[in-house]
């Protein structure tokens, strides 16, 4: 795989500057490297907020004391084009920095991707997948390449339109991933998300309450 690194250098008399290099490397993982880490892969389309959701999940998990990674797959992000993002969350320092090929959990923000992408590729049998869809669970099962793990569906469109008045699937999908993976206790997650929203949208209380309602509605829907 291609590995890239950057270093910040400071030379007397000059402002600090950054240099970088890329090189081919083979990464060999010890079992102990990953056994305490939950790996999550997101599939979405540009503009739907999959990358934002992955970064938010990493931010919230970090605030609860976890070691985290949240990053998109490198490449051009065009509106509507398929994108992939990743999370690693664990209780020990994470030393792996590759893409995720055998995730514990998968989130599919757009169910039309099931027609062109094997979203269950590498997905662990004891893990699970959550799909944003208005289709029935059985219809989704038929498109998951025979996957036998946990399968959840959530209608993020209905939830976000009720809570926010517009279609923003990332908040419902973020809550769905937390519910599916168990990486954060729901109550702690909700408290941290409220603090985050209050910081970002201090002058827009309707946005704060709308997003909180979307998260809570998703937890309620998946608890049924």
N, C-alpha and C. Protein backbone atom coordinates (compact mmCIF):
# COMPACT_ATOMS: atom_id res chain seq x y z
N UNK A 1 0.85 -1.18 0.00
CA UNK A 1 0.00 0.00 0.00
C UNK A 1 0.88 1.24 0.00
N UNK A 2 0.32 2.38 -0.41
CA UNK A 2 1.05 3.64 -0.43
C UNK A 2 0.88 4.33 0.90
N UNK A 3 1.99 4.65 1.53
CA UNK A 3 1.98 5.33 2.82
C UNK A 3 2.57 6.71 2.64
N UNK A 4 1.89 7.72 3.18
CA UNK A 4 2.39 9.09 3.10
C UNK A 4 2.58 9.64 4.51
N UNK A 5 3.65 10.38 4.70
CA UNK A 5 3.93 10.99 5.99
C UNK A 5 4.33 12.44 5.78
N UNK A 6 4.03 13.28 6.77
CA UNK A 6 4.44 14.68 6.75
C UNK A 6 5.22 15.00 8.03
N UNK A 7 6.20 15.88 7.90
CA UNK A 7 6.97 16.32 9.06
C UNK A 7 7.03 17.84 9.04
N UNK A 8 6.88 18.45 10.21
CA UNK A 8 7.03 19.91 10.31
C UNK A 8 8.46 20.20 10.75
N UNK A 9 9.16 21.01 9.98
CA UNK A 9 10.54 21.34 10.25
C UNK A 9 10.69 22.82 10.56
N UNK A 10 11.67 23.12 11.37
CA UNK A 10 11.95 24.52 11.67
C UNK A 10 13.45 24.75 11.52
N UNK A 11 13.84 25.72 10.68
CA UNK A 11 15.23 26.05 10.45
C UNK A 11 15.48 27.47 10.94
N UNK A 12 16.59 27.65 11.62
CA UNK A 12 16.89 28.96 12.20
C UNK A 12 16.79 30.06 11.13
N UNK A 13 16.00 31.07 11.45
CA UNK A 13 15.86 32.19 10.54
C UNK A 13 14.72 32.06 9.55
N UNK A 14 14.07 30.88 9.52
CA UNK A 14 12.95 30.66 8.59
C UNK A 14 11.71 30.27 9.37
N UNK A 15 10.54 30.52 8.77
CA UNK A 15 9.30 30.07 9.37
C UNK A 15 9.21 28.55 9.29
N UNK A 16 8.51 27.90 10.25
CA UNK A 16 8.34 26.45 10.16
C UNK A 16 7.67 26.07 8.84
N UNK A 17 8.09 24.96 8.26
CA UNK A 17 7.49 24.50 7.02
C UNK A 17 7.33 23.00 7.08
N UNK A 18 6.47 22.47 6.17
CA UNK A 18 6.12 21.05 6.18
C UNK A 18 6.69 20.38 4.94
N UNK A 19 7.28 19.22 5.13
CA UNK A 19 7.72 18.40 4.02
C UNK A 19 7.03 17.06 4.11
N UNK A 20 6.95 16.37 2.98
CA UNK A 20 6.27 15.09 2.99
C UNK A 20 6.90 14.13 2.02
N UNK A 21 6.55 12.86 2.20
CA UNK A 21 7.06 11.82 1.30
C UNK A 21 6.09 10.67 1.28
N UNK A 22 6.00 9.99 0.15
CA UNK A 22 5.15 8.82 0.01
C UNK A 22 6.04 7.64 -0.39
N UNK A 23 5.70 6.48 0.13
CA UNK A 23 6.50 5.30 -0.18
C UNK A 23 5.61 4.07 -0.08
N UNK A 24 6.00 3.01 -0.79
CA UNK A 24 5.27 1.75 -0.72
C UNK A 24 5.68 1.01 0.54
N UNK A 25 4.70 0.43 1.21
CA UNK A 25 5.01 -0.31 2.44
C UNK A 25 4.06 -1.47 2.59
N UNK A 26 4.50 -2.48 3.24
CA UNK A 26 3.67 -3.62 3.60
C UNK A 26 3.46 -3.56 5.10
N UNK A 27 2.22 -3.55 5.54
CA UNK A 27 1.92 -3.47 6.96
C UNK A 27 1.49 -4.84 7.44
N UNK A 28 2.17 -5.36 8.45
CA UNK A 28 1.83 -6.65 9.04
C UNK A 28 1.22 -6.37 10.41
N UNK A 29 0.01 -6.85 10.61
CA UNK A 29 -0.72 -6.57 11.84
C UNK A 29 -0.63 -7.74 12.79
N UNK A 30 -0.26 -7.46 14.02
CA UNK A 30 -0.34 -8.46 15.06
C UNK A 30 -1.79 -8.52 15.53
N UNK A 31 -2.21 -9.68 16.00
CA UNK A 31 -3.59 -9.82 16.47
C UNK A 31 -3.90 -8.82 17.57
N UNK A 32 -2.90 -8.56 18.44
CA UNK A 32 -3.11 -7.65 19.55
C UNK A 32 -3.32 -6.21 19.11
N UNK A 33 -2.89 -5.88 17.88
CA UNK A 33 -3.03 -4.52 17.38
C UNK A 33 -4.50 -4.10 17.25
N UNK A 34 -5.38 -5.06 16.91
CA UNK A 34 -6.73 -4.70 16.53
C UNK A 34 -7.82 -5.29 17.41
N UNK A 35 -7.49 -6.21 18.32
CA UNK A 35 -8.55 -6.90 19.05
C UNK A 35 -9.35 -5.99 19.96
N UNK A 36 -8.77 -4.84 20.35
CA UNK A 36 -9.48 -3.91 21.21
C UNK A 36 -10.01 -2.71 20.44
N UNK A 37 -10.02 -2.81 19.12
CA UNK A 37 -10.44 -1.70 18.27
C UNK A 37 -11.66 -2.08 17.44
N UNK A 38 -12.66 -1.20 17.40
CA UNK A 38 -13.83 -1.39 16.56
C UNK A 38 -13.60 -0.62 15.27
N UNK A 39 -13.80 -1.30 14.14
CA UNK A 39 -13.59 -0.67 12.84
C UNK A 39 -14.94 -0.53 12.12
N UNK A 40 -15.17 0.65 11.59
CA UNK A 40 -16.44 0.98 10.95
C UNK A 40 -16.16 1.56 9.57
N UNK A 41 -16.92 1.09 8.59
CA UNK A 41 -16.79 1.62 7.22
C UNK A 41 -18.11 2.26 6.80
N UNK A 42 -18.02 3.45 6.24
CA UNK A 42 -19.19 4.20 5.78
C UNK A 42 -19.21 4.22 4.26
N UNK A 43 -20.39 3.98 3.68
CA UNK A 43 -20.60 4.13 2.25
C UNK A 43 -21.68 5.18 2.03
N UNK A 44 -21.38 6.17 1.21
CA UNK A 44 -22.37 7.19 0.92
C UNK A 44 -22.08 7.85 -0.42
N UNK A 45 -22.72 8.96 -0.65
CA UNK A 45 -22.46 9.76 -1.84
C UNK A 45 -22.05 11.16 -1.41
N UNK A 46 -21.25 11.80 -2.26
CA UNK A 46 -20.80 13.15 -1.94
C UNK A 46 -21.97 14.08 -1.66
N UNK A 47 -21.91 14.81 -0.58
CA UNK A 47 -22.97 15.75 -0.21
C UNK A 47 -23.97 15.19 0.78
N UNK A 48 -23.89 13.90 1.12
CA UNK A 48 -24.84 13.31 2.05
C UNK A 48 -24.36 13.33 3.50
N UNK A 49 -23.10 13.68 3.71
CA UNK A 49 -22.60 13.82 5.07
C UNK A 49 -21.98 12.58 5.68
N UNK A 50 -21.64 11.57 4.87
CA UNK A 50 -21.01 10.37 5.43
C UNK A 50 -19.65 10.70 6.05
N UNK A 51 -18.87 11.51 5.34
CA UNK A 51 -17.57 11.91 5.88
C UNK A 51 -17.74 12.71 7.16
N UNK A 52 -18.69 13.64 7.17
CA UNK A 52 -18.94 14.44 8.36
C UNK A 52 -19.35 13.57 9.53
N UNK A 53 -20.20 12.57 9.27
CA UNK A 53 -20.65 11.67 10.33
C UNK A 53 -19.48 10.89 10.92
N UNK A 54 -18.58 10.42 10.06
CA UNK A 54 -17.41 9.68 10.54
C UNK A 54 -16.52 10.56 11.41
N UNK A 55 -16.34 11.81 11.00
CA UNK A 55 -15.52 12.73 11.78
C UNK A 55 -16.19 13.10 13.09
N UNK A 56 -17.50 13.27 13.07
CA UNK A 56 -18.23 13.56 14.31
C UNK A 56 -18.15 12.40 15.29
N UNK A 57 -18.29 11.18 14.77
CA UNK A 57 -18.21 10.01 15.64
C UNK A 57 -16.83 9.94 16.30
N UNK A 58 -15.78 10.20 15.53
CA UNK A 58 -14.43 10.19 16.09
C UNK A 58 -14.29 11.26 17.16
N UNK A 59 -14.83 12.44 16.90
CA UNK A 59 -14.72 13.55 17.84
C UNK A 59 -15.42 13.23 19.16
N UNK A 60 -16.63 12.69 19.07
CA UNK A 60 -17.39 12.37 20.28
C UNK A 60 -16.72 11.24 21.06
N UNK A 61 -16.27 10.21 20.35
CA UNK A 61 -15.61 9.08 21.02
C UNK A 61 -14.33 9.55 21.71
N UNK A 62 -13.59 10.46 21.07
CA UNK A 62 -12.36 11.00 21.67
C UNK A 62 -12.67 11.71 22.99
N UNK A 63 -13.77 12.43 23.01
CA UNK A 63 -14.14 13.17 24.21
C UNK A 63 -14.54 12.26 25.36
N UNK A 64 -14.85 11.00 25.05
CA UNK A 64 -15.18 10.04 26.11
C UNK A 64 -13.96 9.24 26.55
N UNK A 65 -12.79 9.60 26.02
CA UNK A 65 -11.57 8.94 26.45
C UNK A 65 -11.07 7.84 25.54
N UNK A 66 -11.69 7.68 24.39
CA UNK A 66 -11.28 6.63 23.45
C UNK A 66 -10.12 7.11 22.56
N UNK A 67 -9.38 6.14 22.04
CA UNK A 67 -8.45 6.41 20.95
C UNK A 67 -9.25 6.29 19.65
N UNK A 68 -9.05 7.21 18.73
CA UNK A 68 -9.94 7.26 17.56
C UNK A 68 -9.19 7.57 16.27
N UNK A 69 -9.81 7.17 15.18
CA UNK A 69 -9.47 7.64 13.84
C UNK A 69 -10.77 7.88 13.10
N UNK A 70 -10.81 8.92 12.30
CA UNK A 70 -11.95 9.20 11.43
C UNK A 70 -11.42 9.85 10.17
N UNK A 71 -11.62 9.22 9.02
CA UNK A 71 -11.03 9.75 7.80
C UNK A 71 -11.77 9.23 6.56
N UNK A 72 -11.79 10.02 5.50
CA UNK A 72 -12.39 9.55 4.24
C UNK A 72 -11.33 8.86 3.40
N UNK A 73 -11.77 8.05 2.46
CA UNK A 73 -10.85 7.48 1.50
C UNK A 73 -10.37 8.57 0.57
N UNK A 74 -9.08 8.59 0.31
CA UNK A 74 -8.53 9.66 -0.50
C UNK A 74 -9.09 9.61 -1.93
N UNK A 75 -9.43 10.75 -2.45
CA UNK A 75 -9.92 10.82 -3.82
C UNK A 75 -10.82 12.02 -3.99
N UNK A 76 -11.16 12.38 -5.21
CA UNK A 76 -12.02 13.54 -5.45
C UNK A 76 -13.43 13.26 -4.94
N UNK A 77 -13.99 14.24 -4.24
CA UNK A 77 -15.35 14.09 -3.72
C UNK A 77 -16.29 14.98 -4.52
N UNK A 78 -17.02 14.37 -5.44
CA UNK A 78 -17.99 15.10 -6.25
C UNK A 78 -19.39 14.87 -5.70
N UNK A 79 -20.22 15.86 -5.84
CA UNK A 79 -21.60 15.75 -5.39
C UNK A 79 -22.25 14.53 -6.06
N UNK A 80 -22.74 13.61 -5.26
CA UNK A 80 -23.43 12.43 -5.77
C UNK A 80 -22.54 11.26 -6.08
N UNK A 81 -21.22 11.46 -6.09
CA UNK A 81 -20.30 10.35 -6.40
C UNK A 81 -20.11 9.48 -5.16
N UNK A 82 -19.94 8.17 -5.34
CA UNK A 82 -19.73 7.28 -4.18
C UNK A 82 -18.47 7.68 -3.40
N UNK A 83 -18.59 7.70 -2.08
CA UNK A 83 -17.43 7.95 -1.23
C UNK A 83 -17.41 6.91 -0.11
N UNK A 84 -16.24 6.74 0.47
CA UNK A 84 -16.09 5.82 1.60
C UNK A 84 -15.36 6.56 2.71
N UNK A 85 -15.80 6.34 3.93
CA UNK A 85 -15.12 6.92 5.10
C UNK A 85 -14.97 5.84 6.15
N UNK A 86 -14.09 6.10 7.11
CA UNK A 86 -13.74 5.06 8.07
C UNK A 86 -13.63 5.60 9.49
N UNK A 87 -13.88 4.71 10.45
CA UNK A 87 -13.60 4.97 11.86
C UNK A 87 -12.88 3.79 12.48
N UNK A 88 -11.91 4.09 13.32
CA UNK A 88 -11.38 3.12 14.27
C UNK A 88 -11.54 3.72 15.65
N UNK A 89 -12.08 2.93 16.58
CA UNK A 89 -12.33 3.42 17.94
C UNK A 89 -11.92 2.32 18.91
N UNK A 90 -11.09 2.66 19.87
CA UNK A 90 -10.62 1.64 20.80
C UNK A 90 -10.18 2.21 22.13
N UNK A 91 -9.85 1.32 23.05
CA UNK A 91 -9.39 1.71 24.38
C UNK A 91 -7.87 1.77 24.47
N UNK A 92 -7.19 1.34 23.42
CA UNK A 92 -5.73 1.38 23.39
C UNK A 92 -5.27 2.17 22.17
N UNK A 93 -4.04 2.60 22.22
CA UNK A 93 -3.48 3.38 21.12
C UNK A 93 -3.59 2.60 19.80
N UNK A 94 -4.01 3.29 18.74
CA UNK A 94 -4.20 2.66 17.43
C UNK A 94 -2.96 2.93 16.59
N UNK A 95 -2.32 1.86 16.14
CA UNK A 95 -1.07 2.00 15.40
C UNK A 95 -1.23 1.72 13.90
N UNK A 96 -2.44 1.37 13.48
CA UNK A 96 -2.71 1.07 12.08
C UNK A 96 -3.28 2.31 11.40
N UNK A 97 -2.83 2.60 10.18
CA UNK A 97 -3.27 3.81 9.50
C UNK A 97 -3.68 3.54 8.05
N UNK A 98 -4.12 2.33 7.78
CA UNK A 98 -4.58 1.98 6.43
C UNK A 98 -6.08 2.16 6.34
N UNK A 99 -6.63 1.98 5.13
CA UNK A 99 -8.07 1.88 4.99
C UNK A 99 -8.55 0.63 5.73
N UNK A 100 -9.84 0.49 5.86
CA UNK A 100 -10.41 -0.64 6.60
C UNK A 100 -10.98 -1.65 5.61
N UNK A 101 -10.48 -2.86 5.65
CA UNK A 101 -10.87 -3.89 4.69
C UNK A 101 -11.73 -4.99 5.30
N UNK A 102 -11.70 -5.15 6.62
CA UNK A 102 -12.51 -6.14 7.30
C UNK A 102 -13.21 -5.47 8.48
N UNK A 103 -14.21 -4.63 8.19
CA UNK A 103 -14.86 -3.85 9.25
C UNK A 103 -15.71 -4.71 10.17
N UNK A 104 -15.89 -4.20 11.37
CA UNK A 104 -16.84 -4.82 12.30
C UNK A 104 -18.26 -4.39 11.95
N UNK A 105 -18.38 -3.15 11.49
CA UNK A 105 -19.70 -2.60 11.17
C UNK A 105 -19.63 -1.75 9.91
N UNK A 106 -20.75 -1.72 9.18
CA UNK A 106 -20.85 -0.93 7.95
C UNK A 106 -22.11 -0.08 8.02
N UNK A 107 -21.99 1.17 7.59
CA UNK A 107 -23.13 2.07 7.47
C UNK A 107 -23.30 2.46 6.01
N UNK A 108 -24.50 2.27 5.48
CA UNK A 108 -24.79 2.63 4.09
C UNK A 108 -25.77 3.79 4.10
N UNK A 109 -25.30 4.96 3.70
CA UNK A 109 -26.11 6.18 3.78
C UNK A 109 -27.07 6.29 2.61
N UNK A 110 -26.78 5.59 1.51
CA UNK A 110 -27.62 5.65 0.30
C UNK A 110 -27.82 4.24 -0.22
N UNK A 111 -29.05 3.75 -0.18
CA UNK A 111 -29.29 2.35 -0.55
C UNK A 111 -29.11 2.08 -2.05
N UNK A 112 -29.05 3.12 -2.89
CA UNK A 112 -28.81 2.87 -4.32
C UNK A 112 -27.40 2.33 -4.55
N UNK A 113 -26.51 2.51 -3.58
CA UNK A 113 -25.15 1.98 -3.71
C UNK A 113 -25.13 0.46 -3.69
N UNK A 114 -26.19 -0.15 -3.16
CA UNK A 114 -26.25 -1.62 -3.12
C UNK A 114 -26.27 -2.22 -4.51
N UNK A 115 -26.67 -1.42 -5.50
CA UNK A 115 -26.75 -1.91 -6.87
C UNK A 115 -25.38 -1.99 -7.55
N UNK A 116 -24.40 -1.26 -7.03
CA UNK A 116 -23.11 -1.20 -7.71
C UNK A 116 -21.92 -1.54 -6.82
N UNK A 117 -22.10 -1.57 -5.51
CA UNK A 117 -20.98 -1.80 -4.59
C UNK A 117 -21.33 -2.95 -3.65
N UNK A 118 -20.37 -3.84 -3.44
CA UNK A 118 -20.55 -4.91 -2.45
C UNK A 118 -20.20 -4.33 -1.09
N UNK A 119 -21.20 -3.74 -0.44
CA UNK A 119 -20.95 -3.04 0.82
C UNK A 119 -20.60 -4.00 1.95
N UNK A 120 -20.88 -5.28 1.78
CA UNK A 120 -20.55 -6.25 2.83
C UNK A 120 -19.19 -6.89 2.62
N UNK A 121 -18.46 -6.45 1.63
CA UNK A 121 -17.14 -7.05 1.36
C UNK A 121 -16.25 -6.94 2.60
N UNK A 122 -15.78 -8.08 3.08
CA UNK A 122 -14.91 -8.10 4.24
C UNK A 122 -15.60 -7.94 5.57
N UNK A 123 -16.90 -7.65 5.57
CA UNK A 123 -17.63 -7.40 6.82
C UNK A 123 -17.69 -8.66 7.66
N UNK A 124 -17.30 -8.52 8.93
CA UNK A 124 -17.23 -9.68 9.81
C UNK A 124 -18.62 -10.24 10.09
N UNK A 125 -18.69 -11.57 10.15
CA UNK A 125 -19.98 -12.25 10.34
C UNK A 125 -20.60 -11.93 11.69
N UNK A 126 -19.75 -11.64 12.69
CA UNK A 126 -20.29 -11.30 14.01
C UNK A 126 -20.47 -9.80 14.19
N UNK A 127 -20.37 -9.06 13.08
CA UNK A 127 -20.59 -7.63 13.12
C UNK A 127 -22.00 -7.29 12.68
N UNK A 128 -22.13 -6.20 11.90
CA UNK A 128 -23.47 -5.82 11.46
C UNK A 128 -23.43 -4.66 10.48
N UNK A 129 -24.57 -4.42 9.86
CA UNK A 129 -24.70 -3.37 8.86
C UNK A 129 -26.01 -2.62 9.09
N UNK A 130 -26.00 -1.32 8.88
CA UNK A 130 -27.22 -0.52 8.94
C UNK A 130 -27.34 0.24 7.63
N UNK A 131 -28.54 0.19 7.05
CA UNK A 131 -28.78 0.79 5.73
C UNK A 131 -29.89 1.83 5.85
N UNK A 132 -29.62 3.00 5.33
CA UNK A 132 -30.65 4.04 5.22
C UNK A 132 -31.51 3.72 4.00
N UNK A 133 -32.78 3.44 4.23
CA UNK A 133 -33.64 3.03 3.13
C UNK A 133 -35.11 3.20 3.49
N UNK A 134 -35.93 3.30 2.47
CA UNK A 134 -37.38 3.26 2.67
C UNK A 134 -37.93 1.89 2.27
N UNK A 135 -37.04 1.00 1.87
CA UNK A 135 -37.44 -0.37 1.51
C UNK A 135 -37.58 -1.23 2.76
N UNK A 136 -38.19 -2.39 2.60
CA UNK A 136 -38.33 -3.31 3.72
C UNK A 136 -36.99 -3.96 4.04
N UNK A 137 -36.87 -4.48 5.23
CA UNK A 137 -35.64 -5.16 5.62
C UNK A 137 -35.37 -6.36 4.72
N UNK A 138 -36.43 -7.07 4.32
CA UNK A 138 -36.24 -8.24 3.47
C UNK A 138 -35.70 -7.84 2.10
N UNK A 139 -36.18 -6.72 1.56
CA UNK A 139 -35.67 -6.25 0.27
C UNK A 139 -34.17 -5.95 0.35
N UNK A 140 -33.76 -5.39 1.48
CA UNK A 140 -32.34 -5.08 1.67
C UNK A 140 -31.54 -6.37 1.86
N UNK A 141 -32.06 -7.31 2.62
CA UNK A 141 -31.37 -8.58 2.83
C UNK A 141 -31.06 -9.26 1.50
N UNK A 142 -31.99 -9.17 0.58
CA UNK A 142 -31.81 -9.82 -0.72
C UNK A 142 -30.66 -9.21 -1.53
N UNK A 143 -30.19 -8.04 -1.14
CA UNK A 143 -29.13 -7.36 -1.88
C UNK A 143 -27.78 -7.38 -1.16
N UNK A 144 -27.69 -8.13 -0.08
CA UNK A 144 -26.49 -8.09 0.75
C UNK A 144 -25.59 -9.31 0.57
N UNK A 145 -25.61 -9.90 -0.60
CA UNK A 145 -24.66 -10.96 -0.95
C UNK A 145 -24.66 -12.11 0.05
N UNK A 146 -25.83 -12.39 0.64
CA UNK A 146 -25.94 -13.51 1.57
C UNK A 146 -25.36 -13.24 2.95
N UNK A 147 -25.12 -11.99 3.29
CA UNK A 147 -24.55 -11.66 4.59
C UNK A 147 -25.45 -12.18 5.72
N UNK A 148 -24.83 -12.80 6.74
CA UNK A 148 -25.60 -13.47 7.80
C UNK A 148 -25.51 -12.76 9.15
N UNK A 149 -24.82 -11.64 9.21
CA UNK A 149 -24.72 -10.91 10.48
C UNK A 149 -25.94 -10.05 10.74
N UNK A 150 -25.82 -9.16 11.71
CA UNK A 150 -26.94 -8.28 12.06
C UNK A 150 -27.21 -7.27 10.95
N UNK A 151 -28.47 -7.12 10.60
CA UNK A 151 -28.87 -6.18 9.55
C UNK A 151 -29.97 -5.27 10.09
N UNK A 152 -29.73 -3.97 10.05
CA UNK A 152 -30.71 -3.00 10.49
C UNK A 152 -31.02 -2.05 9.34
N UNK A 153 -32.25 -1.59 9.29
CA UNK A 153 -32.63 -0.55 8.34
C UNK A 153 -33.22 0.63 9.10
N UNK A 154 -32.98 1.81 8.57
CA UNK A 154 -33.51 3.02 9.18
C UNK A 154 -33.92 3.98 8.07
N UNK A 155 -35.05 4.62 8.23
CA UNK A 155 -35.49 5.60 7.23
C UNK A 155 -35.02 6.98 7.67
N UNK A 156 -33.78 7.31 7.31
CA UNK A 156 -33.20 8.58 7.72
C UNK A 156 -33.91 9.77 7.06
N UNK A 157 -34.51 9.54 5.89
CA UNK A 157 -35.24 10.62 5.24
C UNK A 157 -36.46 11.02 6.09
N UNK A 158 -37.24 10.04 6.47
CA UNK A 158 -38.43 10.33 7.27
C UNK A 158 -38.06 11.01 8.58
N UNK A 159 -37.03 10.48 9.25
CA UNK A 159 -36.63 11.03 10.53
C UNK A 159 -36.12 12.45 10.39
N UNK A 160 -35.22 12.70 9.45
CA UNK A 160 -34.64 14.04 9.32
C UNK A 160 -35.67 15.06 8.85
N UNK A 161 -36.58 14.66 7.98
CA UNK A 161 -37.60 15.60 7.52
C UNK A 161 -38.56 15.96 8.65
N UNK A 162 -38.86 14.99 9.52
CA UNK A 162 -39.72 15.30 10.67
C UNK A 162 -39.00 16.18 11.68
N UNK A 163 -37.72 15.89 11.91
CA UNK A 163 -36.98 16.60 12.95
C UNK A 163 -36.40 17.93 12.47
N UNK A 164 -35.96 17.98 11.21
CA UNK A 164 -35.24 19.15 10.72
C UNK A 164 -35.95 19.89 9.59
N UNK A 165 -36.97 19.24 9.02
CA UNK A 165 -37.68 19.87 7.92
C UNK A 165 -37.02 19.68 6.57
N UNK A 166 -35.84 19.05 6.55
CA UNK A 166 -35.11 18.78 5.32
C UNK A 166 -34.44 17.41 5.42
N UNK A 167 -33.95 16.94 4.28
CA UNK A 167 -33.31 15.64 4.25
C UNK A 167 -31.82 15.77 4.53
N UNK A 168 -31.44 15.47 5.76
CA UNK A 168 -30.03 15.41 6.17
C UNK A 168 -29.81 14.05 6.82
N UNK A 169 -29.34 13.06 6.08
CA UNK A 169 -29.27 11.70 6.62
C UNK A 169 -28.15 11.46 7.62
N UNK A 170 -27.18 12.39 7.72
CA UNK A 170 -26.01 12.07 8.54
C UNK A 170 -26.31 11.96 10.03
N UNK A 171 -27.18 12.80 10.58
CA UNK A 171 -27.48 12.71 12.01
C UNK A 171 -28.18 11.39 12.36
N UNK A 172 -29.25 11.01 11.66
CA UNK A 172 -29.85 9.70 11.95
C UNK A 172 -28.88 8.54 11.76
N UNK A 173 -28.06 8.58 10.73
CA UNK A 173 -27.12 7.49 10.49
C UNK A 173 -26.03 7.44 11.55
N UNK A 174 -25.64 8.59 12.06
CA UNK A 174 -24.65 8.62 13.13
C UNK A 174 -25.20 7.92 14.38
N UNK A 175 -26.43 8.23 14.74
CA UNK A 175 -27.06 7.56 15.89
C UNK A 175 -27.24 6.07 15.63
N UNK A 176 -27.57 5.72 14.39
CA UNK A 176 -27.76 4.31 14.05
C UNK A 176 -26.47 3.52 14.22
N UNK A 177 -25.34 4.11 13.83
CA UNK A 177 -24.05 3.44 13.97
C UNK A 177 -23.69 3.27 15.45
N UNK A 178 -23.97 4.27 16.25
CA UNK A 178 -23.72 4.16 17.70
C UNK A 178 -24.58 3.05 18.29
N UNK A 179 -25.85 2.99 17.89
CA UNK A 179 -26.74 1.95 18.40
C UNK A 179 -26.29 0.56 17.97
N UNK A 180 -25.87 0.43 16.72
CA UNK A 180 -25.46 -0.86 16.19
C UNK A 180 -24.14 -1.33 16.79
N UNK A 181 -23.18 -0.43 16.88
CA UNK A 181 -21.82 -0.82 17.28
C UNK A 181 -21.61 -0.86 18.79
N UNK A 182 -22.35 -0.02 19.52
CA UNK A 182 -22.16 0.04 20.96
C UNK A 182 -20.85 0.70 21.38
N UNK A 183 -20.23 1.48 20.50
CA UNK A 183 -18.94 2.08 20.84
C UNK A 183 -19.05 3.17 21.90
N UNK A 184 -20.25 3.74 22.03
CA UNK A 184 -20.51 4.77 23.04
C UNK A 184 -21.89 4.50 23.63
N UNK A 185 -22.04 4.68 24.94
CA UNK A 185 -23.36 4.56 25.54
C UNK A 185 -24.27 5.65 24.99
N UNK A 186 -25.50 5.31 24.60
CA UNK A 186 -26.38 6.32 23.99
C UNK A 186 -26.55 7.59 24.80
N UNK A 187 -26.70 7.48 26.12
CA UNK A 187 -26.89 8.67 26.94
C UNK A 187 -25.66 9.57 26.90
N UNK A 188 -24.48 8.97 27.00
CA UNK A 188 -23.24 9.75 26.92
C UNK A 188 -23.11 10.38 25.54
N UNK A 189 -23.42 9.61 24.51
CA UNK A 189 -23.35 10.11 23.15
C UNK A 189 -24.26 11.32 22.97
N UNK A 190 -25.49 11.23 23.44
CA UNK A 190 -26.44 12.33 23.29
C UNK A 190 -25.97 13.58 24.03
N UNK A 191 -25.41 13.39 25.22
CA UNK A 191 -24.91 14.54 25.98
C UNK A 191 -23.76 15.23 25.25
N UNK A 192 -22.85 14.43 24.70
CA UNK A 192 -21.71 14.99 23.99
C UNK A 192 -22.15 15.67 22.68
N UNK A 193 -23.13 15.07 22.00
CA UNK A 193 -23.62 15.68 20.77
C UNK A 193 -24.34 16.99 21.04
N UNK A 194 -25.08 17.07 22.13
CA UNK A 194 -25.74 18.33 22.46
C UNK A 194 -24.70 19.42 22.72
N UNK A 195 -23.65 19.09 23.46
CA UNK A 195 -22.59 20.06 23.72
C UNK A 195 -21.93 20.50 22.42
N UNK A 196 -21.72 19.56 21.50
CA UNK A 196 -21.11 19.89 20.21
C UNK A 196 -22.01 20.80 19.39
N UNK A 197 -23.29 20.46 19.31
CA UNK A 197 -24.24 21.28 18.55
C UNK A 197 -24.38 22.68 19.16
N UNK A 198 -24.40 22.76 20.49
CA UNK A 198 -24.54 24.06 21.15
C UNK A 198 -23.33 24.94 20.88
N UNK A 199 -22.18 24.33 20.72
CA UNK A 199 -20.98 25.09 20.40
C UNK A 199 -21.00 25.58 18.95
N UNK A 200 -21.42 24.69 18.03
CA UNK A 200 -21.38 25.02 16.60
C UNK A 200 -22.55 25.90 16.17
N UNK A 201 -23.71 25.71 16.81
CA UNK A 201 -24.92 26.43 16.37
C UNK A 201 -25.51 27.25 17.52
N UNK A 202 -24.64 27.98 18.21
CA UNK A 202 -25.08 28.73 19.39
C UNK A 202 -26.21 29.70 19.08
N UNK A 203 -26.23 30.24 17.87
CA UNK A 203 -27.25 31.22 17.50
C UNK A 203 -28.40 30.60 16.71
N UNK A 204 -28.41 29.28 16.62
CA UNK A 204 -29.47 28.59 15.88
C UNK A 204 -30.06 27.47 16.73
N UNK A 205 -30.82 27.83 17.75
CA UNK A 205 -31.37 26.80 18.65
C UNK A 205 -32.26 25.79 17.93
N UNK A 206 -32.90 26.21 16.84
CA UNK A 206 -33.76 25.28 16.11
C UNK A 206 -32.93 24.17 15.46
N UNK A 207 -31.71 24.50 15.05
CA UNK A 207 -30.82 23.48 14.47
C UNK A 207 -30.36 22.51 15.55
N UNK A 208 -30.05 23.03 16.72
CA UNK A 208 -29.65 22.18 17.84
C UNK A 208 -30.75 21.19 18.18
N UNK A 209 -31.94 21.71 18.39
CA UNK A 209 -33.05 20.85 18.82
C UNK A 209 -33.47 19.89 17.71
N UNK A 210 -33.38 20.35 16.46
CA UNK A 210 -33.74 19.47 15.35
C UNK A 210 -32.80 18.29 15.23
N UNK A 211 -31.50 18.55 15.34
CA UNK A 211 -30.53 17.47 15.27
C UNK A 211 -30.65 16.53 16.46
N UNK A 212 -30.87 17.08 17.64
CA UNK A 212 -31.05 16.22 18.82
C UNK A 212 -32.29 15.34 18.67
N UNK A 213 -33.35 15.91 18.12
CA UNK A 213 -34.57 15.12 17.90
C UNK A 213 -34.31 14.00 16.91
N UNK A 214 -33.52 14.28 15.86
CA UNK A 214 -33.20 13.24 14.87
C UNK A 214 -32.43 12.10 15.51
N UNK A 215 -31.47 12.42 16.37
CA UNK A 215 -30.69 11.38 17.05
C UNK A 215 -31.59 10.54 17.96
N UNK A 216 -32.41 11.21 18.74
CA UNK A 216 -33.28 10.50 19.69
C UNK A 216 -34.32 9.64 18.97
N UNK A 217 -34.87 10.16 17.87
CA UNK A 217 -35.85 9.38 17.09
C UNK A 217 -35.22 8.13 16.50
N UNK A 218 -33.96 8.23 16.11
CA UNK A 218 -33.28 7.07 15.55
C UNK A 218 -33.07 6.00 16.61
N UNK A 219 -32.62 6.40 17.79
CA UNK A 219 -32.46 5.43 18.88
C UNK A 219 -33.79 4.75 19.20
N UNK A 220 -34.86 5.55 19.23
CA UNK A 220 -36.18 4.98 19.52
C UNK A 220 -36.62 4.00 18.44
N UNK A 221 -36.36 4.34 17.18
CA UNK A 221 -36.77 3.47 16.07
C UNK A 221 -36.02 2.14 16.11
N UNK A 222 -34.74 2.17 16.45
CA UNK A 222 -33.94 0.94 16.46
C UNK A 222 -34.17 0.11 17.71
N UNK A 223 -34.80 0.72 18.72
CA UNK A 223 -35.08 -0.02 19.95
C UNK A 223 -36.37 -0.83 19.85
N UNK A 224 -37.16 -0.58 18.80
CA UNK A 224 -38.45 -1.28 18.64
C UNK A 224 -38.21 -2.73 18.27
